[in-house]
Amino acid sequence: MNLPDKIFSFLILFGLLMIGMSVHEFAHGLVAYRLGDPTAKYSGRLTLNPLAHIDIFWTFLLPLFLFITSGFVFGAAKPVPINYGALRNPKRDIILVGISGPLANFILGGLLAMLIKIIPLPALLLSLAVNLITINVILGVFNLVPIPPLDGSRILMGLLPEPLASQYVGIEPYAFIILIALIWLGALNWLVWPAVGFILKLMGV
């Protein structure tokens, strides 16, 4: 693949990633807002506009690095700010806010999977739809890993009794190192990818 083709391929996959990430973060902000916390709204994050969710490293530099080294595009958006103290039932609502992002990705992926079965699409559009489905499923599964600041950690914090939840929050300063170590050790290969494959199979993709 020559350089112009590589750039074009990256831009297409990056655009699809931005769609998935925007849906994900919007869902967090919307659910938090419905549950009593207007922080995302006042921060300009209650929107599907991708520009509102960009983080220079996680959203652009990381996907670019991964694409150059592996041909795969993946990244993360700037987390939506949540004031858990403003939620009506913080212990319960932290779970609902946490799960809303991955759930939105799974719903979008599922709807697209049904769409491509109902409507015959040209090869190019079909390829774009399948890639968007896959990216959404990967985003949903990866974010359920219970390591701060991923959504799985919010869900786990809501489920743990208070003393354990407070201790668990304490690992957040080391979360990036833990996550990189897990990736380096290949832990995500047997944790994330099998789940992604299973969900895609369920969707018939």
N, C-alpha and C. Protein backbone atom coordinates (compact mmCIF):
# COMPACT_ATOMS: atom_id res chain seq x y z
N MET A 1 0.85 -1.19 0.00
CA MET A 1 0.00 0.00 0.00
C MET A 1 0.89 1.24 0.00
N ASN A 2 0.69 2.13 -0.99
CA ASN A 2 1.52 3.33 -1.06
C ASN A 2 1.06 4.36 -0.02
N LEU A 3 1.86 5.41 0.13
CA LEU A 3 1.60 6.40 1.18
C LEU A 3 0.23 7.07 1.06
N PRO A 4 -0.18 7.55 -0.12
CA PRO A 4 -1.52 8.16 -0.22
C PRO A 4 -2.63 7.20 0.18
N ASP A 5 -2.50 5.92 -0.21
CA ASP A 5 -3.51 4.93 0.16
C ASP A 5 -3.53 4.70 1.67
N LYS A 6 -2.34 4.69 2.28
CA LYS A 6 -2.25 4.51 3.73
C LYS A 6 -2.92 5.68 4.46
N ILE A 7 -2.64 6.88 3.98
CA ILE A 7 -3.24 8.07 4.60
C ILE A 7 -4.76 8.03 4.46
N PHE A 8 -5.23 7.67 3.29
CA PHE A 8 -6.68 7.58 3.05
C PHE A 8 -7.31 6.53 3.94
N SER A 9 -6.66 5.36 4.06
CA SER A 9 -7.17 4.28 4.90
C SER A 9 -7.24 4.72 6.36
N PHE A 10 -6.17 5.41 6.82
CA PHE A 10 -6.17 5.88 8.21
C PHE A 10 -7.30 6.87 8.45
N LEU A 11 -7.50 7.80 7.54
CA LEU A 11 -8.55 8.81 7.72
C LEU A 11 -9.94 8.19 7.77
N ILE A 12 -10.16 7.16 6.94
CA ILE A 12 -11.46 6.48 6.95
C ILE A 12 -11.68 5.78 8.29
N LEU A 13 -10.69 4.99 8.72
CA LEU A 13 -10.83 4.26 9.98
C LEU A 13 -10.90 5.22 11.17
N PHE A 14 -10.14 6.31 11.10
CA PHE A 14 -10.17 7.30 12.16
C PHE A 14 -11.55 7.96 12.24
N GLY A 15 -12.15 8.25 11.09
CA GLY A 15 -13.49 8.82 11.07
C GLY A 15 -14.52 7.88 11.68
N LEU A 16 -14.41 6.59 11.39
CA LEU A 16 -15.33 5.61 11.97
C LEU A 16 -15.12 5.51 13.48
N LEU A 17 -13.86 5.56 13.90
CA LEU A 17 -13.55 5.53 15.33
C LEU A 17 -14.15 6.73 16.04
N MET A 18 -14.08 7.91 15.42
CA MET A 18 -14.64 9.11 16.02
C MET A 18 -16.15 9.01 16.18
N ILE A 19 -16.81 8.35 15.23
CA ILE A 19 -18.26 8.15 15.36
C ILE A 19 -18.55 7.31 16.59
N GLY A 20 -17.85 6.19 16.72
CA GLY A 20 -18.07 5.30 17.87
C GLY A 20 -17.76 5.98 19.19
N MET A 21 -16.66 6.73 19.25
CA MET A 21 -16.28 7.39 20.49
C MET A 21 -17.26 8.50 20.85
N SER A 22 -17.75 9.22 19.85
CA SER A 22 -18.70 10.31 20.12
C SER A 22 -20.01 9.76 20.67
N VAL A 23 -20.49 8.67 20.09
CA VAL A 23 -21.70 8.03 20.59
C VAL A 23 -21.49 7.56 22.03
N HIS A 24 -20.32 6.99 22.28
CA HIS A 24 -19.98 6.48 23.61
C HIS A 24 -20.00 7.59 24.67
N GLU A 25 -19.29 8.68 24.39
CA GLU A 25 -19.19 9.76 25.38
C GLU A 25 -20.52 10.51 25.52
N PHE A 26 -21.24 10.67 24.43
CA PHE A 26 -22.55 11.32 24.50
C PHE A 26 -23.48 10.53 25.41
N ALA A 27 -23.43 9.20 25.31
CA ALA A 27 -24.28 8.36 26.14
C ALA A 27 -23.97 8.56 27.62
N HIS A 28 -22.67 8.63 27.96
CA HIS A 28 -22.30 8.89 29.36
C HIS A 28 -22.90 10.20 29.84
N GLY A 29 -22.70 11.25 29.05
CA GLY A 29 -23.17 12.57 29.44
C GLY A 29 -24.68 12.63 29.56
N LEU A 30 -25.39 12.00 28.61
CA LEU A 30 -26.84 12.02 28.61
C LEU A 30 -27.41 11.30 29.82
N VAL A 31 -26.88 10.11 30.12
CA VAL A 31 -27.38 9.35 31.26
C VAL A 31 -27.09 10.08 32.56
N ALA A 32 -25.88 10.65 32.68
CA ALA A 32 -25.55 11.41 33.89
C ALA A 32 -26.51 12.60 34.04
N TYR A 33 -26.80 13.27 32.94
CA TYR A 33 -27.71 14.42 32.96
C TYR A 33 -29.11 13.99 33.40
N ARG A 34 -29.58 12.87 32.88
CA ARG A 34 -30.90 12.37 33.24
C ARG A 34 -30.96 11.96 34.71
N LEU A 35 -29.79 11.61 35.27
CA LEU A 35 -29.75 11.16 36.65
C LEU A 35 -29.38 12.27 37.63
N GLY A 36 -29.32 13.52 37.11
CA GLY A 36 -29.15 14.66 38.02
C GLY A 36 -27.87 15.44 37.92
N ASP A 37 -26.91 14.98 37.09
CA ASP A 37 -25.63 15.70 36.99
C ASP A 37 -25.54 16.44 35.66
N PRO A 38 -25.57 17.79 35.68
CA PRO A 38 -25.52 18.57 34.44
C PRO A 38 -24.10 18.93 34.00
N THR A 39 -23.07 18.34 34.64
CA THR A 39 -21.69 18.73 34.37
C THR A 39 -21.34 18.61 32.88
N ALA A 40 -21.70 17.49 32.27
CA ALA A 40 -21.38 17.27 30.86
C ALA A 40 -22.04 18.33 29.98
N LYS A 41 -23.28 18.67 30.31
CA LYS A 41 -24.00 19.68 29.52
C LYS A 41 -23.30 21.03 29.61
N TYR A 42 -22.93 21.45 30.83
CA TYR A 42 -22.30 22.75 31.01
C TYR A 42 -20.86 22.77 30.51
N SER A 43 -20.28 21.58 30.30
CA SER A 43 -18.92 21.49 29.77
C SER A 43 -18.91 21.38 28.25
N GLY A 44 -20.10 21.43 27.64
CA GLY A 44 -20.19 21.33 26.19
C GLY A 44 -19.96 19.93 25.66
N ARG A 45 -20.14 18.92 26.53
CA ARG A 45 -19.87 17.55 26.12
C ARG A 45 -21.14 16.74 25.84
N LEU A 46 -22.29 17.35 26.03
CA LEU A 46 -23.54 16.64 25.76
C LEU A 46 -23.88 16.83 24.28
N THR A 47 -23.02 16.26 23.44
CA THR A 47 -23.13 16.45 22.00
C THR A 47 -22.52 15.26 21.27
N LEU A 48 -22.96 15.05 20.03
CA LEU A 48 -22.38 14.02 19.18
C LEU A 48 -21.27 14.60 18.30
N ASN A 49 -20.97 15.87 18.46
CA ASN A 49 -19.90 16.51 17.70
C ASN A 49 -18.55 15.94 18.14
N PRO A 50 -17.83 15.23 17.26
CA PRO A 50 -16.56 14.61 17.65
C PRO A 50 -15.53 15.60 18.18
N LEU A 51 -15.58 16.84 17.70
CA LEU A 51 -14.58 17.83 18.11
C LEU A 51 -14.63 18.11 19.61
N ALA A 52 -15.79 17.90 20.21
CA ALA A 52 -15.93 18.16 21.65
C ALA A 52 -15.28 17.08 22.49
N HIS A 53 -14.97 15.94 21.89
CA HIS A 53 -14.49 14.78 22.66
C HIS A 53 -13.04 14.42 22.38
N ILE A 54 -12.33 15.26 21.61
CA ILE A 54 -10.97 14.92 21.21
C ILE A 54 -9.96 15.15 22.33
N ASP A 55 -9.11 14.16 22.53
CA ASP A 55 -7.93 14.27 23.38
C ASP A 55 -6.73 14.06 22.46
N ILE A 56 -5.76 14.97 22.49
CA ILE A 56 -4.67 14.94 21.51
C ILE A 56 -3.95 13.59 21.50
N PHE A 57 -3.62 13.08 22.69
CA PHE A 57 -2.88 11.81 22.73
C PHE A 57 -3.78 10.62 22.42
N TRP A 58 -4.84 10.44 23.23
CA TRP A 58 -5.66 9.23 23.14
C TRP A 58 -6.48 9.17 21.85
N THR A 59 -6.91 10.33 21.36
CA THR A 59 -7.81 10.34 20.20
C THR A 59 -7.07 10.44 18.87
N PHE A 60 -5.89 11.04 18.88
CA PHE A 60 -5.20 11.22 17.61
C PHE A 60 -3.83 10.53 17.55
N LEU A 61 -2.94 10.85 18.49
CA LEU A 61 -1.58 10.31 18.43
C LEU A 61 -1.56 8.79 18.61
N LEU A 62 -2.33 8.27 19.57
CA LEU A 62 -2.36 6.82 19.79
C LEU A 62 -2.89 6.07 18.58
N PRO A 63 -4.06 6.46 18.01
CA PRO A 63 -4.52 5.77 16.80
C PRO A 63 -3.52 5.84 15.65
N LEU A 64 -2.86 7.00 15.49
CA LEU A 64 -1.88 7.15 14.42
C LEU A 64 -0.70 6.21 14.65
N PHE A 65 -0.23 6.13 15.89
CA PHE A 65 0.89 5.24 16.22
C PHE A 65 0.51 3.78 15.97
N LEU A 66 -0.67 3.39 16.41
CA LEU A 66 -1.11 2.00 16.23
C LEU A 66 -1.27 1.67 14.74
N PHE A 67 -1.76 2.63 13.98
CA PHE A 67 -1.94 2.38 12.55
C PHE A 67 -0.59 2.21 11.85
N ILE A 68 0.37 3.05 12.22
CA ILE A 68 1.70 2.97 11.60
C ILE A 68 2.39 1.66 11.95
N THR A 69 2.21 1.21 13.21
CA THR A 69 2.94 0.02 13.66
C THR A 69 2.21 -1.28 13.37
N SER A 70 0.86 -1.23 13.28
CA SER A 70 0.13 -2.48 13.14
C SER A 70 -0.96 -2.46 12.07
N GLY A 71 -1.26 -1.27 11.55
CA GLY A 71 -2.34 -1.16 10.57
C GLY A 71 -3.71 -1.13 11.21
N PHE A 72 -3.75 -1.12 12.55
CA PHE A 72 -5.01 -1.12 13.29
C PHE A 72 -5.23 0.24 13.91
N VAL A 73 -6.46 0.73 13.87
CA VAL A 73 -6.78 2.04 14.44
C VAL A 73 -7.65 1.87 15.67
N PHE A 74 -7.15 2.36 16.80
CA PHE A 74 -7.94 2.32 18.03
C PHE A 74 -7.46 3.44 18.94
N GLY A 75 -8.38 3.97 19.74
CA GLY A 75 -8.03 5.04 20.64
C GLY A 75 -9.15 5.30 21.62
N ALA A 76 -9.11 6.45 22.26
CA ALA A 76 -10.11 6.80 23.26
C ALA A 76 -10.39 8.29 23.20
N ALA A 77 -11.57 8.66 23.62
CA ALA A 77 -11.94 10.07 23.67
C ALA A 77 -11.58 10.65 25.04
N LYS A 78 -11.66 11.96 25.14
CA LYS A 78 -11.50 12.62 26.43
C LYS A 78 -12.71 12.26 27.29
N PRO A 79 -12.49 11.70 28.48
CA PRO A 79 -13.63 11.27 29.30
C PRO A 79 -14.58 12.42 29.61
N VAL A 80 -15.87 12.13 29.55
CA VAL A 80 -16.88 13.13 29.92
C VAL A 80 -16.80 13.38 31.43
N PRO A 81 -16.74 14.65 31.86
CA PRO A 81 -16.67 14.92 33.31
C PRO A 81 -17.99 14.58 33.99
N ILE A 82 -17.88 13.83 35.07
CA ILE A 82 -19.06 13.42 35.84
C ILE A 82 -18.86 13.82 37.29
N ASN A 83 -19.84 14.50 37.87
CA ASN A 83 -19.84 14.82 39.30
C ASN A 83 -20.75 13.82 39.99
N TYR A 84 -20.15 12.77 40.53
CA TYR A 84 -20.96 11.70 41.09
C TYR A 84 -21.76 12.16 42.31
N GLY A 85 -21.27 13.22 42.97
CA GLY A 85 -22.00 13.74 44.11
C GLY A 85 -23.32 14.38 43.72
N ALA A 86 -23.45 14.76 42.43
CA ALA A 86 -24.69 15.38 41.96
C ALA A 86 -25.73 14.35 41.54
N LEU A 87 -25.33 13.11 41.41
CA LEU A 87 -26.27 12.06 41.01
C LEU A 87 -27.26 11.79 42.13
N ARG A 88 -28.47 11.47 41.76
CA ARG A 88 -29.52 11.28 42.77
C ARG A 88 -29.24 10.07 43.67
N ASN A 89 -28.70 9.03 43.09
CA ASN A 89 -28.34 7.82 43.85
C ASN A 89 -26.94 7.40 43.40
N PRO A 90 -25.89 8.04 43.95
CA PRO A 90 -24.53 7.84 43.43
C PRO A 90 -24.10 6.39 43.31
N LYS A 91 -24.40 5.57 44.31
CA LYS A 91 -23.93 4.18 44.29
C LYS A 91 -24.55 3.40 43.14
N ARG A 92 -25.83 3.63 42.88
CA ARG A 92 -26.50 2.96 41.76
C ARG A 92 -26.19 3.64 40.44
N ASP A 93 -26.23 4.97 40.46
CA ASP A 93 -26.12 5.72 39.20
C ASP A 93 -24.73 5.65 38.58
N ILE A 94 -23.68 5.44 39.40
CA ILE A 94 -22.35 5.32 38.84
C ILE A 94 -22.28 4.09 37.92
N ILE A 95 -23.04 3.05 38.27
CA ILE A 95 -23.10 1.85 37.43
C ILE A 95 -23.82 2.17 36.12
N LEU A 96 -24.94 2.88 36.22
CA LEU A 96 -25.71 3.21 35.02
C LEU A 96 -24.93 4.12 34.07
N VAL A 97 -24.22 5.10 34.64
CA VAL A 97 -23.40 5.99 33.82
C VAL A 97 -22.27 5.21 33.17
N GLY A 98 -21.64 4.33 33.96
CA GLY A 98 -20.52 3.55 33.44
C GLY A 98 -20.91 2.63 32.31
N ILE A 99 -22.04 1.96 32.45
CA ILE A 99 -22.43 0.97 31.44
C ILE A 99 -23.06 1.61 30.20
N SER A 100 -23.48 2.87 30.32
CA SER A 100 -24.19 3.52 29.21
C SER A 100 -23.33 3.66 27.95
N GLY A 101 -22.05 3.97 28.12
CA GLY A 101 -21.17 4.13 26.96
C GLY A 101 -21.01 2.85 26.16
N PRO A 102 -20.55 1.76 26.81
CA PRO A 102 -20.44 0.49 26.09
C PRO A 102 -21.77 0.02 25.51
N LEU A 103 -22.85 0.22 26.27
CA LEU A 103 -24.17 -0.21 25.79
C LEU A 103 -24.55 0.55 24.53
N ALA A 104 -24.24 1.85 24.48
CA ALA A 104 -24.54 2.64 23.28
C ALA A 104 -23.77 2.11 22.08
N ASN A 105 -22.51 1.71 22.29
CA ASN A 105 -21.72 1.13 21.21
C ASN A 105 -22.31 -0.19 20.73
N PHE A 106 -22.74 -1.03 21.67
CA PHE A 106 -23.32 -2.32 21.29
C PHE A 106 -24.64 -2.13 20.53
N ILE A 107 -25.43 -1.15 20.98
CA ILE A 107 -26.71 -0.89 20.32
C ILE A 107 -26.48 -0.39 18.90
N LEU A 108 -25.54 0.57 18.74
CA LEU A 108 -25.24 1.07 17.40
C LEU A 108 -24.73 -0.05 16.50
N GLY A 109 -23.83 -0.86 17.04
CA GLY A 109 -23.32 -1.98 16.26
C GLY A 109 -24.41 -2.97 15.88
N GLY A 110 -25.31 -3.26 16.83
CA GLY A 110 -26.41 -4.19 16.56
C GLY A 110 -27.38 -3.67 15.52
N LEU A 111 -27.69 -2.38 15.59
CA LEU A 111 -28.59 -1.77 14.61
C LEU A 111 -27.99 -1.81 13.21
N LEU A 112 -26.69 -1.51 13.13
CA LEU A 112 -26.02 -1.56 11.83
C LEU A 112 -25.97 -2.98 11.30
N ALA A 113 -25.75 -3.95 12.19
CA ALA A 113 -25.70 -5.35 11.77
C ALA A 113 -27.05 -5.79 11.20
N MET A 114 -28.14 -5.33 11.81
CA MET A 114 -29.47 -5.65 11.27
C MET A 114 -29.70 -4.95 9.95
N LEU A 115 -29.21 -3.71 9.85
CA LEU A 115 -29.42 -2.92 8.64
C LEU A 115 -28.77 -3.57 7.43
N ILE A 116 -27.55 -4.05 7.60
CA ILE A 116 -26.85 -4.62 6.43
C ILE A 116 -27.44 -5.97 6.01
N LYS A 117 -28.23 -6.57 6.92
CA LYS A 117 -28.92 -7.81 6.53
C LYS A 117 -30.21 -7.52 5.78
N ILE A 118 -30.80 -6.36 6.08
CA ILE A 118 -32.09 -6.00 5.48
C ILE A 118 -31.91 -5.28 4.14
N ILE A 119 -30.91 -4.39 4.11
CA ILE A 119 -30.71 -3.55 2.92
C ILE A 119 -29.42 -3.95 2.20
N PRO A 120 -29.52 -4.39 0.95
CA PRO A 120 -28.30 -4.70 0.17
C PRO A 120 -27.49 -3.43 -0.06
N LEU A 121 -26.24 -3.45 0.32
CA LEU A 121 -25.39 -2.27 0.18
C LEU A 121 -24.29 -2.54 -0.83
N PRO A 122 -23.85 -1.50 -1.54
CA PRO A 122 -22.67 -1.63 -2.39
C PRO A 122 -21.47 -2.08 -1.56
N ALA A 123 -20.51 -2.70 -2.19
CA ALA A 123 -19.37 -3.27 -1.49
C ALA A 123 -18.65 -2.26 -0.59
N LEU A 124 -18.48 -1.03 -1.08
CA LEU A 124 -17.78 -0.02 -0.30
C LEU A 124 -18.54 0.34 0.97
N LEU A 125 -19.85 0.58 0.83
CA LEU A 125 -20.67 0.92 2.00
C LEU A 125 -20.75 -0.24 2.97
N LEU A 126 -20.81 -1.46 2.44
CA LEU A 126 -20.86 -2.64 3.29
C LEU A 126 -19.58 -2.76 4.11
N SER A 127 -18.45 -2.51 3.45
CA SER A 127 -17.16 -2.56 4.15
C SER A 127 -17.08 -1.51 5.25
N LEU A 128 -17.56 -0.30 4.96
CA LEU A 128 -17.56 0.76 5.97
C LEU A 128 -18.46 0.39 7.14
N ALA A 129 -19.63 -0.18 6.84
CA ALA A 129 -20.58 -0.56 7.90
C ALA A 129 -19.99 -1.66 8.78
N VAL A 130 -19.35 -2.66 8.17
CA VAL A 130 -18.75 -3.75 8.94
C VAL A 130 -17.62 -3.22 9.82
N ASN A 131 -16.81 -2.32 9.28
CA ASN A 131 -15.74 -1.73 10.08
C ASN A 131 -16.29 -0.91 11.24
N LEU A 132 -17.38 -0.17 10.99
CA LEU A 132 -17.99 0.63 12.06
C LEU A 132 -18.59 -0.27 13.14
N ILE A 133 -19.21 -1.36 12.73
CA ILE A 133 -19.74 -2.33 13.70
C ILE A 133 -18.61 -2.88 14.56
N THR A 134 -17.53 -3.30 13.91
CA THR A 134 -16.40 -3.89 14.63
C THR A 134 -15.78 -2.90 15.60
N ILE A 135 -15.59 -1.67 15.16
CA ILE A 135 -15.01 -0.64 16.03
C ILE A 135 -15.90 -0.39 17.24
N ASN A 136 -17.21 -0.35 17.04
CA ASN A 136 -18.12 -0.13 18.16
C ASN A 136 -18.08 -1.28 19.16
N VAL A 137 -18.01 -2.50 18.66
CA VAL A 137 -17.95 -3.66 19.56
C VAL A 137 -16.64 -3.64 20.35
N ILE A 138 -15.53 -3.33 19.67
CA ILE A 138 -14.24 -3.25 20.36
C ILE A 138 -14.26 -2.17 21.43
N LEU A 139 -14.81 -1.00 21.10
CA LEU A 139 -14.92 0.08 22.09
C LEU A 139 -15.74 -0.36 23.29
N GLY A 140 -16.87 -1.01 23.01
CA GLY A 140 -17.74 -1.46 24.11
C GLY A 140 -17.06 -2.46 25.01
N VAL A 141 -16.42 -3.47 24.43
CA VAL A 141 -15.77 -4.52 25.22
C VAL A 141 -14.56 -3.97 25.97
N PHE A 142 -13.71 -3.22 25.26
CA PHE A 142 -12.49 -2.71 25.90
C PHE A 142 -12.82 -1.82 27.09
N ASN A 143 -13.84 -0.99 26.96
CA ASN A 143 -14.19 -0.08 28.05
C ASN A 143 -14.80 -0.79 29.25
N LEU A 144 -15.18 -2.04 29.10
CA LEU A 144 -15.71 -2.79 30.23
C LEU A 144 -14.61 -3.42 31.08
N VAL A 145 -13.36 -3.32 30.63
CA VAL A 145 -12.24 -3.80 31.45
C VAL A 145 -12.21 -2.97 32.73
N PRO A 146 -12.21 -3.60 33.90
CA PRO A 146 -12.34 -2.86 35.17
C PRO A 146 -11.05 -2.22 35.67
N ILE A 147 -10.48 -1.34 34.84
CA ILE A 147 -9.28 -0.60 35.22
C ILE A 147 -9.57 0.88 35.02
N PRO A 148 -9.40 1.72 36.05
CA PRO A 148 -9.65 3.15 35.88
C PRO A 148 -8.79 3.71 34.77
N PRO A 149 -9.27 4.65 33.95
CA PRO A 149 -10.59 5.27 34.03
C PRO A 149 -11.61 4.62 33.11
N LEU A 150 -11.37 3.37 32.71
CA LEU A 150 -12.32 2.69 31.83
C LEU A 150 -13.65 2.47 32.54
N ASP A 151 -14.70 2.29 31.76
CA ASP A 151 -16.05 2.23 32.31
C ASP A 151 -16.25 1.04 33.25
N GLY A 152 -15.52 -0.03 32.99
CA GLY A 152 -15.64 -1.19 33.87
C GLY A 152 -15.29 -0.86 35.31
N SER A 153 -14.39 0.12 35.50
CA SER A 153 -14.02 0.51 36.87
C SER A 153 -15.17 1.23 37.55
N ARG A 154 -15.95 2.03 36.78
CA ARG A 154 -17.11 2.71 37.37
C ARG A 154 -18.16 1.71 37.81
N ILE A 155 -18.36 0.71 36.97
CA ILE A 155 -19.34 -0.32 37.30
C ILE A 155 -18.91 -1.07 38.55
N LEU A 156 -17.62 -1.44 38.60
CA LEU A 156 -17.11 -2.19 39.75
C LEU A 156 -17.18 -1.35 41.02
N MET A 157 -16.88 -0.05 40.91
CA MET A 157 -16.96 0.83 42.09
C MET A 157 -18.38 0.88 42.65
N GLY A 158 -19.36 0.84 41.76
CA GLY A 158 -20.75 0.86 42.21
C GLY A 158 -21.16 -0.44 42.86
N LEU A 159 -20.52 -1.53 42.47
CA LEU A 159 -20.88 -2.84 43.01
C LEU A 159 -20.15 -3.17 44.31
N LEU A 160 -18.95 -2.62 44.48
CA LEU A 160 -18.16 -2.93 45.68
C LEU A 160 -18.71 -2.20 46.91
N PRO A 161 -18.61 -2.82 48.07
CA PRO A 161 -18.96 -2.10 49.31
C PRO A 161 -18.02 -0.92 49.49
N GLU A 162 -18.47 0.09 50.20
CA GLU A 162 -17.76 1.37 50.26
C GLU A 162 -16.29 1.28 50.63
N PRO A 163 -15.89 0.54 51.68
CA PRO A 163 -14.45 0.52 52.01
C PRO A 163 -13.60 -0.02 50.86
N LEU A 164 -14.08 -1.07 50.20
CA LEU A 164 -13.34 -1.65 49.08
C LEU A 164 -13.34 -0.71 47.87
N ALA A 165 -14.47 -0.02 47.66
CA ALA A 165 -14.56 0.91 46.55
C ALA A 165 -13.54 2.04 46.70
N SER A 166 -13.38 2.55 47.92
CA SER A 166 -12.42 3.63 48.17
C SER A 166 -10.99 3.16 47.94
N GLN A 167 -10.69 1.92 48.34
CA GLN A 167 -9.35 1.37 48.11
C GLN A 167 -9.12 1.16 46.62
N TYR A 168 -10.15 0.73 45.93
CA TYR A 168 -10.05 0.46 44.50
C TYR A 168 -9.75 1.75 43.72
N VAL A 169 -10.38 2.85 44.11
CA VAL A 169 -10.14 4.14 43.46
C VAL A 169 -8.67 4.53 43.58
N GLY A 170 -8.02 4.05 44.63
CA GLY A 170 -6.62 4.40 44.87
C GLY A 170 -5.66 3.90 43.81
N ILE A 171 -6.08 2.95 42.99
CA ILE A 171 -5.16 2.43 41.96
C ILE A 171 -5.15 3.32 40.71
N GLU A 172 -6.06 4.31 40.65
CA GLU A 172 -6.18 5.12 39.43
C GLU A 172 -4.88 5.79 38.99
N PRO A 173 -4.04 6.32 39.92
CA PRO A 173 -2.78 6.93 39.46
C PRO A 173 -1.86 5.94 38.73
N TYR A 174 -2.06 4.65 38.99
CA TYR A 174 -1.21 3.63 38.38
C TYR A 174 -1.92 2.89 37.25
N ALA A 175 -3.11 3.35 36.92
CA ALA A 175 -3.95 2.62 35.97
C ALA A 175 -3.32 2.52 34.59
N PHE A 176 -2.69 3.61 34.13
CA PHE A 176 -2.09 3.59 32.80
C PHE A 176 -0.98 2.53 32.73
N ILE A 177 -0.15 2.47 33.77
CA ILE A 177 0.94 1.49 33.81
C ILE A 177 0.37 0.08 33.83
N ILE A 178 -0.69 -0.13 34.63
CA ILE A 178 -1.32 -1.45 34.71
C ILE A 178 -1.87 -1.86 33.36
N LEU A 179 -2.53 -0.91 32.70
CA LEU A 179 -3.15 -1.20 31.40
C LEU A 179 -2.09 -1.54 30.36
N ILE A 180 -1.01 -0.76 30.31
CA ILE A 180 0.08 -1.02 29.36
C ILE A 180 0.71 -2.38 29.65
N ALA A 181 0.89 -2.70 30.95
CA ALA A 181 1.48 -3.99 31.32
C ALA A 181 0.60 -5.14 30.86
N LEU A 182 -0.71 -5.00 31.03
CA LEU A 182 -1.63 -6.05 30.60
C LEU A 182 -1.57 -6.25 29.09
N ILE A 183 -1.49 -5.12 28.36
CA ILE A 183 -1.40 -5.20 26.90
C ILE A 183 -0.09 -5.88 26.51
N TRP A 184 1.01 -5.49 27.15
CA TRP A 184 2.32 -6.04 26.84
C TRP A 184 2.38 -7.54 27.16
N LEU A 185 1.74 -7.95 28.25
CA LEU A 185 1.73 -9.36 28.64
C LEU A 185 0.76 -10.20 27.80
N GLY A 186 -0.05 -9.51 26.98
CA GLY A 186 -0.99 -10.23 26.12
C GLY A 186 -2.29 -10.60 26.81
N ALA A 187 -2.52 -10.02 28.01
CA ALA A 187 -3.72 -10.37 28.76
C ALA A 187 -4.99 -10.00 28.00
N LEU A 188 -4.94 -8.88 27.27
CA LEU A 188 -6.13 -8.44 26.56
C LEU A 188 -6.44 -9.36 25.38
N ASN A 189 -5.43 -10.11 24.91
CA ASN A 189 -5.66 -11.03 23.79
C ASN A 189 -6.63 -12.14 24.18
N TRP A 190 -6.57 -12.57 25.45
CA TRP A 190 -7.51 -13.62 25.86
C TRP A 190 -8.69 -13.06 26.63
N LEU A 191 -8.70 -11.76 26.84
CA LEU A 191 -9.82 -11.15 27.56
C LEU A 191 -10.75 -10.37 26.62
N VAL A 192 -10.18 -9.49 25.82
CA VAL A 192 -10.98 -8.60 24.97
C VAL A 192 -11.35 -9.25 23.64
N TRP A 193 -10.36 -9.79 22.93
CA TRP A 193 -10.63 -10.27 21.57
C TRP A 193 -11.60 -11.44 21.51
N PRO A 194 -11.55 -12.40 22.44
CA PRO A 194 -12.57 -13.46 22.40
C PRO A 194 -13.98 -12.91 22.60
N ALA A 195 -14.13 -11.93 23.49
CA ALA A 195 -15.45 -11.32 23.73
C ALA A 195 -15.91 -10.56 22.49
N VAL A 196 -14.99 -9.85 21.84
CA VAL A 196 -15.33 -9.13 20.61
C VAL A 196 -15.80 -10.10 19.53
N GLY A 197 -15.04 -11.19 19.37
CA GLY A 197 -15.40 -12.19 18.38
C GLY A 197 -16.76 -12.82 18.66
N PHE A 198 -17.03 -13.08 19.93
CA PHE A 198 -18.31 -13.69 20.32
C PHE A 198 -19.49 -12.77 20.00
N ILE A 199 -19.34 -11.49 20.33
CA ILE A 199 -20.42 -10.52 20.10
C ILE A 199 -20.64 -10.32 18.61
N LEU A 200 -19.56 -10.22 17.85
CA LEU A 200 -19.69 -10.07 16.40
C LEU A 200 -20.38 -11.29 15.79
N LYS A 201 -20.07 -12.47 16.33
CA LYS A 201 -20.72 -13.70 15.84
C LYS A 201 -22.21 -13.66 16.14
N LEU A 202 -22.56 -13.19 17.34
CA LEU A 202 -23.98 -13.06 17.70
C LEU A 202 -24.70 -12.10 16.75
N MET A 203 -23.99 -11.06 16.35
CA MET A 203 -24.57 -10.07 15.43
C MET A 203 -24.60 -10.57 13.99
N GLY A 204 -23.92 -11.69 13.75
CA GLY A 204 -23.88 -12.22 12.40
C GLY A 204 -22.93 -11.51 11.48
N VAL A 205 -21.89 -10.88 12.07
CA VAL A 205 -20.92 -10.11 11.26
C VAL A 205 -19.65 -10.94 11.08
